[in-house]
PDB file of N, CA and C in Angstrom:
ATOM      1  N   UNK A   1      58.533  29.697-131.659  1.00  0.00           N
ATOM      2  CA  UNK A   1      59.959  29.416-131.717  1.00  0.00           C
ATOM      3  C   UNK A   1      60.735  30.679-131.336  1.00  0.00           C
ATOM      4  N   UNK A   2      61.772  30.497-130.554  1.00  0.00           N
ATOM      5  CA  UNK A   2      62.608  31.617-130.134  1.00  0.00           C
ATOM      6  C   UNK A   2      63.393  32.176-131.316  1.00  0.00           C
ATOM      7  N   UNK A   3      63.643  33.482-131.274  1.00  0.00           N
ATOM      8  CA  UNK A   3      64.477  34.082-132.322  1.00  0.00           C
ATOM      9  C   UNK A   3      65.888  33.503-132.285  1.00  0.00           C
ATOM     10  N   UNK A   4      66.520  33.541-133.429  1.00  0.00           N
ATOM     11  CA  UNK A   4      67.893  33.050-133.522  1.00  0.00           C
ATOM     12  C   UNK A   4      68.714  34.047-134.322  1.00  0.00           C
ATOM     13  N   UNK A   5      70.020  33.909-134.234  1.00  0.00           N
ATOM     14  CA  UNK A   5      70.932  34.791-134.960  1.00  0.00           C
ATOM     15  C   UNK A   5      71.704  33.937-135.955  1.00  0.00           C
ATOM     16  N   UNK A   6      71.549  34.257-137.238  1.00  0.00           N
ATOM     17  CA  UNK A   6      72.271  33.541-138.291  1.00  0.00           C
ATOM     18  C   UNK A   6      73.653  34.170-138.462  1.00  0.00           C
ATOM     19  N   UNK A   7      74.639  33.316-138.711  1.00  0.00           N
ATOM     20  CA  UNK A   7      75.993  33.816-138.957  1.00  0.00           C
ATOM     21  C   UNK A   7      76.752  32.815-139.804  1.00  0.00           C
ATOM     22  N   UNK A   8      77.819  33.279-140.450  1.00  0.00           N
ATOM     23  CA  UNK A   8      78.619  32.430-141.329  1.00  0.00           C
ATOM     24  C   UNK A   8      80.095  32.539-140.974  1.00  0.00           C
ATOM     25  N   UNK A   9      80.418  32.305-139.718  1.00  0.00           N
ATOM     26  CA  UNK A   9      81.807  32.397-139.295  1.00  0.00           C
ATOM     27  C   UNK A   9      82.523  31.058-139.366  1.00  0.00           C
ATOM     28  N   UNK A  10      81.773  29.992-139.495  1.00  0.00           N
ATOM     29  CA  UNK A  10      82.368  28.660-139.443  1.00  0.00           C
ATOM     30  C   UNK A  10      82.243  27.932-140.776  1.00  0.00           C
ATOM     31  N   UNK A  11      82.089  26.613-140.691  1.00  0.00           N
ATOM     32  CA  UNK A  11      82.103  25.730-141.845  1.00  0.00           C
ATOM     33  C   UNK A  11      80.915  25.892-142.785  1.00  0.00           C
ATOM     34  N   UNK A  12      79.804  26.370-142.269  1.00  0.00           N
ATOM     35  CA  UNK A  12      78.587  26.557-143.058  1.00  0.00           C
ATOM     36  C   UNK A  12      77.718  27.573-142.328  1.00  0.00           C
ATOM     37  N   UNK A  13      76.692  28.079-142.979  1.00  0.00           N
ATOM     38  CA  UNK A  13      75.799  29.003-142.263  1.00  0.00           C
ATOM     39  C   UNK A  13      75.205  28.300-141.032  1.00  0.00           C
ATOM     40  N   UNK A  14      75.238  28.988-139.932  1.00  0.00           N
ATOM     41  CA  UNK A  14      74.735  28.437-138.667  1.00  0.00           C
ATOM     42  C   UNK A  14      73.715  29.392-138.069  1.00  0.00           C
ATOM     43  N   UNK A  15      72.888  28.865-137.155  1.00  0.00           N
ATOM     44  CA  UNK A  15      71.897  29.687-136.454  1.00  0.00           C
ATOM     45  C   UNK A  15      72.034  29.433-134.961  1.00  0.00           C
ATOM     46  N   UNK A  16      72.346  30.471-134.249  1.00  0.00           N
ATOM     47  CA  UNK A  16      72.562  30.411-132.803  1.00  0.00           C
ATOM     48  C   UNK A  16      71.262  30.768-132.101  1.00  0.00           C
ATOM     49  N   UNK A  17      70.840  29.907-131.171  1.00  0.00           N
ATOM     50  CA  UNK A  17      69.591  30.136-130.451  1.00  0.00           C
ATOM     51  C   UNK A  17      69.757  29.717-128.999  1.00  0.00           C
ATOM     52  N   UNK A  18      69.336  30.583-128.104  1.00  0.00           N
ATOM     53  CA  UNK A  18      69.391  30.276-126.682  1.00  0.00           C
ATOM     54  C   UNK A  18      67.986  30.202-126.115  1.00  0.00           C
ATOM     55  N   UNK A  19      67.608  29.003-125.679  1.00  0.00           N
ATOM     56  CA  UNK A  19      66.361  28.833-124.953  1.00  0.00           C
ATOM     57  C   UNK A  19      66.722  28.354-123.551  1.00  0.00           C
ATOM     58  N   UNK A  20      65.727  28.043-122.747  1.00  0.00           N
ATOM     59  CA  UNK A  20      65.986  27.624-121.365  1.00  0.00           C
ATOM     60  C   UNK A  20      66.847  26.365-121.335  1.00  0.00           C
ATOM     61  N   UNK A  21      66.595  25.417-122.234  1.00  0.00           N
ATOM     62  CA  UNK A  21      67.394  24.186-122.253  1.00  0.00           C
ATOM     63  C   UNK A  21      68.847  24.465-122.612  1.00  0.00           C
ATOM     64  N   UNK A  22      69.074  25.308-123.600  1.00  0.00           N
ATOM     65  CA  UNK A  22      70.449  25.632-124.001  1.00  0.00           C
ATOM     66  C   UNK A  22      71.197  26.317-122.861  1.00  0.00           C
ATOM     67  N   UNK A  23      70.544  27.264-122.209  1.00  0.00           N
ATOM     68  CA  UNK A  23      71.213  27.969-121.114  1.00  0.00           C
ATOM     69  C   UNK A  23      71.415  27.067-119.905  1.00  0.00           C
ATOM     70  N   UNK A  24      70.493  26.143-119.664  1.00  0.00           N
ATOM     71  CA  UNK A  24      70.670  25.173-118.574  1.00  0.00           C
ATOM     72  C   UNK A  24      71.847  24.253-118.859  1.00  0.00           C
ATOM     73  N   UNK A  25      71.954  23.791-120.109  1.00  0.00           N
ATOM     74  CA  UNK A  25      73.096  22.946-120.490  1.00  0.00           C
ATOM     75  C   UNK A  25      74.406  23.715-120.349  1.00  0.00           C
ATOM     76  N   UNK A  26      74.386  24.986-120.715  1.00  0.00           N
ATOM     77  CA  UNK A  26      75.575  25.837-120.576  1.00  0.00           C
ATOM     78  C   UNK A  26      75.975  25.966-119.113  1.00  0.00           C
ATOM     79  N   UNK A  27      75.009  26.252-118.248  1.00  0.00           N
ATOM     80  CA  UNK A  27      75.303  26.383-116.825  1.00  0.00           C
ATOM     81  C   UNK A  27      75.851  25.073-116.254  1.00  0.00           C
ATOM     82  N   UNK A  28      75.266  23.965-116.678  1.00  0.00           N
ATOM     83  CA  UNK A  28      75.744  22.665-116.199  1.00  0.00           C
ATOM     84  C   UNK A  28      77.175  22.408-116.669  1.00  0.00           C
ATOM     85  N   UNK A  29      77.456  22.699-117.923  1.00  0.00           N
ATOM     86  CA  UNK A  29      78.792  22.471-118.484  1.00  0.00           C
ATOM     87  C   UNK A  29      79.845  23.345-117.805  1.00  0.00           C
ATOM     88  N   UNK A  30      79.453  24.549-117.415  1.00  0.00           N
ATOM     89  CA  UNK A  30      80.404  25.497-116.838  1.00  0.00           C
ATOM     90  C   UNK A  30      80.421  25.464-115.309  1.00  0.00           C
ATOM     91  N   UNK A  31      79.431  24.844-114.701  1.00  0.00           N
ATOM     92  CA  UNK A  31      79.413  24.743-113.243  1.00  0.00           C
ATOM     93  C   UNK A  31      79.078  26.043-112.536  1.00  0.00           C
ATOM     94  N   UNK A  32      78.415  26.954-113.243  1.00  0.00           N
ATOM     95  CA  UNK A  32      78.020  28.236-112.643  1.00  0.00           C
ATOM     96  C   UNK A  32      76.829  28.787-113.400  1.00  0.00           C
ATOM     97  N   UNK A  33      76.206  29.803-112.838  1.00  0.00           N
ATOM     98  CA  UNK A  33      75.024  30.398-113.447  1.00  0.00           C
ATOM     99  C   UNK A  33      75.349  31.361-114.572  1.00  0.00           C
ATOM    100  N   UNK A  34      74.346  31.642-115.371  1.00  0.00           N
ATOM    101  CA  UNK A  34      74.517  32.499-116.544  1.00  0.00           C
ATOM    102  C   UNK A  34      74.990  33.902-116.178  1.00  0.00           C
ATOM    103  N   UNK A  35      74.525  34.438-115.064  1.00  0.00           N
ATOM    104  CA  UNK A  35      74.939  35.789-114.660  1.00  0.00           C
ATOM    105  C   UNK A  35      76.451  35.828-114.451  1.00  0.00           C
ATOM    106  N   UNK A  36      77.005  34.816-113.801  1.00  0.00           N
ATOM    107  CA  UNK A  36      78.462  34.756-113.618  1.00  0.00           C
ATOM    108  C   UNK A  36      79.183  34.590-114.947  1.00  0.00           C
ATOM    109  N   UNK A  37      78.612  33.804-115.844  1.00  0.00           N
ATOM    110  CA  UNK A  37      79.259  33.555-117.134  1.00  0.00           C
ATOM    111  C   UNK A  37      79.341  34.805-117.992  1.00  0.00           C
ATOM    112  N   UNK A  38      78.400  35.713-117.826  1.00  0.00           N
ATOM    113  CA  UNK A  38      78.372  36.908-118.652  1.00  0.00           C
ATOM    114  C   UNK A  38      79.314  38.011-118.181  1.00  0.00           C
ATOM    115  N   UNK A  39      79.977  37.797-117.057  1.00  0.00           N
ATOM    116  CA  UNK A  39      80.947  38.777-116.584  1.00  0.00           C
ATOM    117  C   UNK A  39      82.214  38.671-117.420  1.00  0.00           C
ATOM    118  N   UNK A  40      82.733  39.800-117.817  1.00  0.00           N
ATOM    119  CA  UNK A  40      83.849  39.852-118.754  1.00  0.00           C
ATOM    120  C   UNK A  40      85.045  38.999-118.338  1.00  0.00           C
ATOM    121  N   UNK A  41      85.356  38.966-117.046  1.00  0.00           N
ATOM    122  CA  UNK A  41      86.524  38.205-116.605  1.00  0.00           C
ATOM    123  C   UNK A  41      86.342  36.689-116.776  1.00  0.00           C
ATOM    124  N   UNK A  42      85.138  36.241-117.036  1.00  0.00           N
ATOM    125  CA  UNK A  42      84.868  34.807-117.211  1.00  0.00           C
ATOM    126  C   UNK A  42      84.779  34.390-118.670  1.00  0.00           C
ATOM    127  N   UNK A  43      84.996  35.309-119.592  1.00  0.00           N
ATOM    128  CA  UNK A  43      84.790  35.018-121.008  1.00  0.00           C
ATOM    129  C   UNK A  43      86.084  34.628-121.711  1.00  0.00           C
ATOM    130  N   UNK A  44      86.541  33.417-121.464  1.00  0.00           N
ATOM    131  CA  UNK A  44      87.723  32.889-122.131  1.00  0.00           C
ATOM    132  C   UNK A  44      87.332  31.873-123.191  1.00  0.00           C
ATOM    133  N   UNK A  45      88.305  31.123-123.660  1.00  0.00           N
ATOM    134  CA  UNK A  45      88.058  30.122-124.698  1.00  0.00           C
ATOM    135  C   UNK A  45      87.065  29.061-124.250  1.00  0.00           C
ATOM    136  N   UNK A  46      87.200  28.585-123.023  1.00  0.00           N
ATOM    137  CA  UNK A  46      86.295  27.543-122.519  1.00  0.00           C
ATOM    138  C   UNK A  46      84.851  28.035-122.520  1.00  0.00           C
ATOM    139  N   UNK A  47      84.649  29.246-122.001  1.00  0.00           N
ATOM    140  CA  UNK A  47      83.295  29.805-121.965  1.00  0.00           C
ATOM    141  C   UNK A  47      82.753  30.006-123.372  1.00  0.00           C
ATOM    142  N   UNK A  48      83.573  30.566-124.265  1.00  0.00           N
ATOM    143  CA  UNK A  48      83.105  30.822-125.633  1.00  0.00           C
ATOM    144  C   UNK A  48      82.729  29.532-126.339  1.00  0.00           C
ATOM    145  N   UNK A  49      83.555  28.498-126.181  1.00  0.00           N
ATOM    146  CA  UNK A  49      83.248  27.204-126.801  1.00  0.00           C
ATOM    147  C   UNK A  49      81.929  26.655-126.269  1.00  0.00           C
ATOM    148  N   UNK A  50      81.709  26.779-124.958  1.00  0.00           N
ATOM    149  CA  UNK A  50      80.477  26.271-124.365  1.00  0.00           C
ATOM    150  C   UNK A  50      79.257  27.099-124.760  1.00  0.00           C
ATOM    151  N   UNK A  51      79.397  28.416-124.834  1.00  0.00           N
ATOM    152  CA  UNK A  51      78.296  29.260-125.311  1.00  0.00           C
ATOM    153  C   UNK A  51      77.890  28.833-126.721  1.00  0.00           C
ATOM    154  N   UNK A  52      78.867  28.712-127.605  1.00  0.00           N
ATOM    155  CA  UNK A  52      78.566  28.347-128.994  1.00  0.00           C
ATOM    156  C   UNK A  52      77.962  26.950-129.080  1.00  0.00           C
ATOM    157  N   UNK A  53      78.528  26.004-128.351  1.00  0.00           N
ATOM    158  CA  UNK A  53      77.985  24.640-128.342  1.00  0.00           C
ATOM    159  C   UNK A  53      76.527  24.628-127.890  1.00  0.00           C
ATOM    160  N   UNK A  54      76.251  25.310-126.779  1.00  0.00           N
ATOM    161  CA  UNK A  54      74.893  25.316-126.235  1.00  0.00           C
ATOM    162  C   UNK A  54      73.907  25.976-127.194  1.00  0.00           C
ATOM    163  N   UNK A  55      74.337  27.036-127.858  1.00  0.00           N
ATOM    164  CA  UNK A  55      73.441  27.757-128.753  1.00  0.00           C
ATOM    165  C   UNK A  55      73.293  27.163-130.138  1.00  0.00           C
ATOM    166  N   UNK A  56      74.209  26.268-130.524  1.00  0.00           N
ATOM    167  CA  UNK A  56      74.154  25.657-131.861  1.00  0.00           C
ATOM    168  C   UNK A  56      73.561  24.253-131.873  1.00  0.00           C
ATOM    169  N   UNK A  57      73.593  23.560-130.759  1.00  0.00           N
ATOM    170  CA  UNK A  57      73.233  22.139-130.770  1.00  0.00           C
ATOM    171  C   UNK A  57      71.754  21.872-131.016  1.00  0.00           C
ATOM    172  N   UNK A  58      70.911  22.888-130.920  1.00  0.00           N
ATOM    173  CA  UNK A  58      69.481  22.686-131.162  1.00  0.00           C
ATOM    174  C   UNK A  58      69.207  22.217-132.592  1.00  0.00           C
ATOM    175  N   UNK A  59      70.050  22.632-133.552  1.00  0.00           N
ATOM    176  CA  UNK A  59      69.817  22.202-134.929  1.00  0.00           C
ATOM    177  C   UNK A  59      70.852  21.174-135.408  1.00  0.00           C
ATOM    178  N   UNK A  60      71.806  20.834-134.553  1.00  0.00           N
ATOM    179  CA  UNK A  60      72.813  19.820-134.880  1.00  0.00           C
ATOM    180  C   UNK A  60      73.033  18.998-133.620  1.00  0.00           C
ATOM    181  N   UNK A  61      72.145  18.058-133.365  1.00  0.00           N
ATOM    182  CA  UNK A  61      72.156  17.283-132.120  1.00  0.00           C
ATOM    183  C   UNK A  61      73.453  16.519-131.893  1.00  0.00           C
ATOM    184  N   UNK A  62      74.190  16.219-132.950  1.00  0.00           N
ATOM    185  CA  UNK A  62      75.445  15.504-132.811  1.00  0.00           C
ATOM    186  C   UNK A  62      76.644  16.409-132.558  1.00  0.00           C
ATOM    187  N   UNK A  63      76.396  17.692-132.453  1.00  0.00           N
ATOM    188  CA  UNK A  63      77.485  18.651-132.264  1.00  0.00           C
ATOM    189  C   UNK A  63      78.139  18.447-130.901  1.00  0.00           C
ATOM    190  N   UNK A  64      79.450  18.354-130.905  1.00  0.00           N
ATOM    191  CA  UNK A  64      80.200  18.191-129.658  1.00  0.00           C
ATOM    192  C   UNK A  64      80.983  19.461-129.363  1.00  0.00           C
ATOM    193  N   UNK A  65      81.386  19.596-128.114  1.00  0.00           N
ATOM    194  CA  UNK A  65      82.208  20.738-127.732  1.00  0.00           C
ATOM    195  C   UNK A  65      83.541  20.707-128.485  1.00  0.00           C
ATOM    196  N   UNK A  66      84.073  19.516-128.679  1.00  0.00           N
ATOM    197  CA  UNK A  66      85.336  19.394-129.405  1.00  0.00           C
ATOM    198  C   UNK A  66      85.195  19.889-130.846  1.00  0.00           C
ATOM    199  N   UNK A  67      84.090  19.536-131.493  1.00  0.00           N
ATOM    200  CA  UNK A  67      83.869  20.019-132.857  1.00  0.00           C
ATOM    201  C   UNK A  67      83.748  21.536-132.894  1.00  0.00           C
ATOM    202  N   UNK A  68      83.050  22.104-131.922  1.00  0.00           N
ATOM    203  CA  UNK A  68      82.943  23.560-131.847  1.00  0.00           C
ATOM    204  C   UNK A  68      84.332  24.161-131.638  1.00  0.00           C
ATOM    205  N   UNK A  69      85.133  23.551-130.765  1.00  0.00           N
ATOM    206  CA  UNK A  69      86.504  24.022-130.550  1.00  0.00           C
ATOM    207  C   UNK A  69      87.321  23.971-131.822  1.00  0.00           C
ATOM    208  N   UNK A  70      87.154  22.913-132.621  1.00  0.00           N
ATOM    209  CA  UNK A  70      87.865  22.812-133.901  1.00  0.00           C
ATOM    210  C   UNK A  70      87.418  23.902-134.872  1.00  0.00           C
ATOM    211  N   UNK A  71      86.117  24.195-134.891  1.00  0.00           N
ATOM    212  CA  UNK A  71      85.605  25.265-135.750  1.00  0.00           C
ATOM    213  C   UNK A  71      86.159  26.614-135.306  1.00  0.00           C
ATOM    214  N   UNK A  72      86.220  26.821-133.986  1.00  0.00           N
ATOM    215  CA  UNK A  72      86.780  28.066-133.458  1.00  0.00           C
ATOM    216  C   UNK A  72      88.249  28.201-133.838  1.00  0.00           C
ATOM    217  N   UNK A  73      89.008  27.114-133.696  1.00  0.00           N
ATOM    218  CA  UNK A  73      90.430  27.139-134.035  1.00  0.00           C
ATOM    219  C   UNK A  73      90.628  27.536-135.490  1.00  0.00           C
ATOM    220  N   UNK A  74      89.881  26.891-136.378  1.00  0.00           N
ATOM    221  CA  UNK A  74      89.999  27.201-137.804  1.00  0.00           C
ATOM    222  C   UNK A  74      89.630  28.658-138.065  1.00  0.00           C
ATOM    223  N   UNK A  75      88.540  29.114-137.462  1.00  0.00           N
ATOM    224  CA  UNK A  75      88.099  30.500-137.629  1.00  0.00           C
ATOM    225  C   UNK A  75      89.176  31.479-137.162  1.00  0.00           C
ATOM    226  N   UNK A  76      89.771  31.224-136.001  1.00  0.00           N
ATOM    227  CA  UNK A  76      90.799  32.116-135.459  1.00  0.00           C
ATOM    228  C   UNK A  76      92.082  32.060-136.285  1.00  0.00           C
ATOM    229  N   UNK A  77      92.425  30.887-136.804  1.00  0.00           N
ATOM    230  CA  UNK A  77      93.611  30.762-137.659  1.00  0.00           C
ATOM    231  C   UNK A  77      93.442  31.518-138.965  1.00  0.00           C
ATOM    232  N   UNK A  78      92.186  31.691-139.393  1.00  0.00           N
ATOM    233  CA  UNK A  78      91.903  32.403-140.634  1.00  0.00           C
ATOM    234  C   UNK A  78      91.586  33.874-140.369  1.00  0.00           C
ATOM    235  N   UNK A  79      92.221  34.437-139.346  1.00  0.00           N
ATOM    236  CA  UNK A  79      92.121  35.848-138.979  1.00  0.00           C
ATOM    237  C   UNK A  79      90.792  36.261-138.360  1.00  0.00           C
ATOM    238  N   UNK A  80      90.039  35.305-137.834  1.00  0.00           N
ATOM    239  CA  UNK A  80      88.849  35.650-137.068  1.00  0.00           C
ATOM    240  C   UNK A  80      89.269  36.124-135.683  1.00  0.00           C
ATOM    241  N   UNK A  81      88.337  36.657-134.934  1.00  0.00           N
ATOM    242  CA  UNK A  81      88.679  37.136-133.593  1.00  0.00           C
ATOM    243  C   UNK A  81      87.565  36.797-132.608  1.00  0.00           C
ATOM    244  N   UNK A  82      87.951  36.701-131.342  1.00  0.00           N
ATOM    245  CA  UNK A  82      86.995  36.360-130.288  1.00  0.00           C
ATOM    246  C   UNK A  82      85.911  37.417-130.130  1.00  0.00           C
ATOM    247  N   UNK A  83      86.239  38.679-130.380  1.00  0.00           N
ATOM    248  CA  UNK A  83      85.246  39.750-130.245  1.00  0.00           C
ATOM    249  C   UNK A  83      84.066  39.524-131.190  1.00  0.00           C
ATOM    250  N   UNK A  84      84.340  39.054-132.403  1.00  0.00           N
ATOM    251  CA  UNK A  84      83.255  38.773-133.352  1.00  0.00           C
ATOM    252  C   UNK A  84      82.389  37.618-132.873  1.00  0.00           C
ATOM    253  N   UNK A  85      83.031  36.593-132.312  1.00  0.00           N
ATOM    254  CA  UNK A  85      82.274  35.465-131.770  1.00  0.00           C
ATOM    255  C   UNK A  85      81.401  35.916-130.606  1.00  0.00           C
ATOM    256  N   UNK A  86      81.964  36.728-129.720  1.00  0.00           N
ATOM    257  CA  UNK A  86      81.197  37.211-128.571  1.00  0.00           C
ATOM    258  C   UNK A  86      80.042  38.088-129.014  1.00  0.00           C
ATOM    259  N   UNK A  87      80.234  38.841-130.074  1.00  0.00           N
ATOM    260  CA  UNK A  87      79.169  39.690-130.599  1.00  0.00           C
ATOM    261  C   UNK A  87      77.977  38.849-131.058  1.00  0.00           C
ATOM    262  N   UNK A  88      78.263  37.754-131.753  1.00  0.00           N
ATOM    263  CA  UNK A  88      77.200  36.857-132.219  1.00  0.00           C
ATOM    264  C   UNK A  88      76.476  36.245-131.021  1.00  0.00           C
ATOM    265  N   UNK A  89      77.230  35.788-130.034  1.00  0.00           N
ATOM    266  CA  UNK A  89      76.635  35.190-128.829  1.00  0.00           C
ATOM    267  C   UNK A  89      75.777  36.227-128.100  1.00  0.00           C
ATOM    268  N   UNK A  90      76.285  37.431-127.937  1.00  0.00           N
ATOM    269  CA  UNK A  90      75.543  38.492-127.241  1.00  0.00           C
ATOM    270  C   UNK A  90      74.237  38.814-127.952  1.00  0.00           C
ATOM    271  N   UNK A  91      74.303  38.904-129.277  1.00  0.00           N
ATOM    272  CA  UNK A  91      73.083  39.196-130.044  1.00  0.00           C
ATOM    273  C   UNK A  91      72.060  38.077-129.886  1.00  0.00           C
ATOM    274  N   UNK A  92      72.519  36.834-129.879  1.00  0.00           N
ATOM    275  CA  UNK A  92      71.599  35.708-129.749  1.00  0.00           C
ATOM    276  C   UNK A  92      70.977  35.647-128.356  1.00  0.00           C
ATOM    277  N   UNK A  93      71.761  35.955-127.332  1.00  0.00           N
ATOM    278  CA  UNK A  93      71.216  35.982-125.967  1.00  0.00           C
ATOM    279  C   UNK A  93      70.168  37.086-125.859  1.00  0.00           C
ATOM    280  N   UNK A  94      70.460  38.255-126.407  1.00  0.00           N
ATOM    281  CA  UNK A  94      69.500  39.358-126.371  1.00  0.00           C
ATOM    282  C   UNK A  94      68.236  38.999-127.163  1.00  0.00           C
ATOM    283  N   UNK A  95      68.411  38.357-128.310  1.00  0.00           N
ATOM    284  CA  UNK A  95      67.269  37.988-129.151  1.00  0.00           C
ATOM    285  C   UNK A  95      66.368  36.952-128.487  1.00  0.00           C
ATOM    286  N   UNK A  96      66.927  36.177-127.565  1.00  0.00           N
ATOM    287  CA  UNK A  96      66.128  35.126-126.908  1.00  0.00           C
ATOM    288  C   UNK A  96      64.968  35.711-126.128  1.00  0.00           C
ATOM    289  N   UNK A  97      65.114  36.942-125.637  1.00  0.00           N
ATOM    290  CA  UNK A  97      64.060  37.556-124.847  1.00  0.00           C
ATOM    291  C   UNK A  97      63.969  37.021-123.434  1.00  0.00           C
ATOM    292  N   UNK A  98      64.881  36.151-123.046  1.00  0.00           N
ATOM    293  CA  UNK A  98      64.826  35.544-121.717  1.00  0.00           C
ATOM    294  C   UNK A  98      65.330  36.468-120.620  1.00  0.00           C
ATOM    295  N   UNK A  99      65.958  37.563-120.999  1.00  0.00           N
ATOM    296  CA  UNK A  99      66.542  38.468-120.008  1.00  0.00           C
ATOM    297  C   UNK A  99      65.954  39.871-120.100  1.00  0.00           C
ATOM    298  N   UNK A 100      64.687  39.938-120.429  1.00  0.00           N
ATOM    299  CA  UNK A 100      64.005  41.238-120.506  1.00  0.00           C
ATOM    300  C   UNK A 100      63.834  41.823-119.115  1.00  0.00           C
ATOM    301  N   UNK A 101      63.918  43.126-119.042  1.00  0.00           N
ATOM    302  CA  UNK A 101      63.611  43.817-117.789  1.00  0.00           C
ATOM    303  C   UNK A 101      62.093  43.808-117.623  1.00  0.00           C
ATOM    304  N   UNK A 102      61.612  43.744-116.392  1.00  0.00           N
ATOM    305  CA  UNK A 102      60.163  43.766-116.195  1.00  0.00           C
ATOM    306  C   UNK A 102      59.567  45.054-116.735  1.00  0.00           C
ATOM    307  N   UNK A 103      58.379  44.948-117.301  1.00  0.00           N
ATOM    308  CA  UNK A 103      57.685  46.142-117.788  1.00  0.00           C
ATOM    309  C   UNK A 103      57.226  46.970-116.603  1.00  0.00           C
ATOM    310  N   UNK A 104      57.090  48.244-116.839  1.00  0.00           N
ATOM    311  CA  UNK A 104      56.662  49.140-115.771  1.00  0.00           C
ATOM    312  C   UNK A 104      55.327  48.655-115.209  1.00  0.00           C
ATOM    313  N   UNK A 105      55.257  48.622-113.888  1.00  0.00           N
ATOM    314  CA  UNK A 105      54.028  48.183-113.234  1.00  0.00           C
ATOM    315  C   UNK A 105      54.013  46.705-112.910  1.00  0.00           C
ATOM    316  N   UNK A 106      54.969  45.946-113.436  1.00  0.00           N
ATOM    317  CA  UNK A 106      55.041  44.521-113.129  1.00  0.00           C
ATOM    318  C   UNK A 106      55.899  44.325-111.902  1.00  0.00           C
ATOM    319  N   UNK A 107      55.388  43.594-110.941  1.00  0.00           N
ATOM    320  CA  UNK A 107      56.161  43.254-109.756  1.00  0.00           C
ATOM    321  C   UNK A 107      56.829  41.917-109.954  1.00  0.00           C
ATOM    322  N   UNK A 108      57.282  41.339-108.878  1.00  0.00           N
ATOM    323  CA  UNK A 108      57.937  40.039-108.944  1.00  0.00           C
ATOM    324  C   UNK A 108      56.983  38.952-109.392  1.00  0.00           C
ATOM    325  N   UNK A 109      55.690  39.166-109.265  1.00  0.00           N
ATOM    326  CA  UNK A 109      54.715  38.140-109.621  1.00  0.00           C
ATOM    327  C   UNK A 109      54.039  38.473-110.945  1.00  0.00           C
ATOM    328  N   UNK A 110      54.762  39.138-111.833  1.00  0.00           N
ATOM    329  CA  UNK A 110      54.234  39.404-113.159  1.00  0.00           C
ATOM    330  C   UNK A 110      53.162  40.486-113.189  1.00  0.00           C
ATOM    331  N   UNK A 111      53.115  41.326-112.194  1.00  0.00           N
ATOM    332  CA  UNK A 111      52.174  42.427-112.209  1.00  0.00           C
ATOM    333  C   UNK A 111      50.809  42.078-111.672  1.00  0.00           C
ATOM    334  N   UNK A 112      50.603  40.841-111.215  1.00  0.00           N
ATOM    335  CA  UNK A 112      49.300  40.431-110.738  1.00  0.00           C
ATOM    336  C   UNK A 112      49.094  40.704-109.250  1.00  0.00           C
ATOM    337  N   UNK A 113      50.165  40.905-108.508  1.00  0.00           N
ATOM    338  CA  UNK A 113      50.025  41.122-107.073  1.00  0.00           C
ATOM    339  C   UNK A 113      49.570  42.554-106.817  1.00  0.00           C
ATOM    340  N   UNK A 114      48.718  42.703-105.857  1.00  0.00           N
ATOM    341  CA  UNK A 114      48.251  44.036-105.494  1.00  0.00           C
ATOM    342  C   UNK A 114      48.983  44.504-104.274  1.00  0.00           C
ATOM    343  N   UNK A 115      49.253  45.799-104.254  1.00  0.00           N
ATOM    344  CA  UNK A 115      49.942  46.367-103.112  1.00  0.00           C
ATOM    345  C   UNK A 115      49.120  46.165-101.849  1.00  0.00           C
ATOM    346  N   UNK A 116      49.788  45.738-100.796  1.00  0.00           N
ATOM    347  CA  UNK A 116      49.116  45.574 -99.504  1.00  0.00           C
ATOM    348  C   UNK A 116      48.444  44.233 -99.336  1.00  0.00           C
ATOM    349  N   UNK A 117      48.568  43.318-100.306  1.00  0.00           N
ATOM    350  CA  UNK A 117      47.979  41.974-100.147  1.00  0.00           C
ATOM    351  C   UNK A 117      49.075  40.967 -99.929  1.00  0.00           C
ATOM    352  N   UNK A 118      48.726  39.829 -99.388  1.00  0.00           N
ATOM    353  CA  UNK A 118      49.700  38.766 -99.137  1.00  0.00           C
ATOM    354  C   UNK A 118      49.431  37.612-100.041  1.00  0.00           C
TER     355      UNK A 118
END
């Protein structure tokens, strides 16, 4: 099971987890790839709601984007801030391990290709 990040910013303790399915759903919902979504100029309310929805729905299959938006609204009205939400999302993306840099000596083919071979 992929690592997750627990947090209590909303209605109850939640666990944010990003796996390939969650990130694929996020990309589909946003109409662009994850690399574009992670650029600061793209991180508005719509993106944040979709990040949270994609990362939370694994344990709450009935979770809708609208419900996540309502939770965000309540959180922000109670003096929460977007920076805290982004911090939780960033930690969960990092914890997923899906964006690791290749280890030294690993090529594009996972380190199995030999130099000079086709």
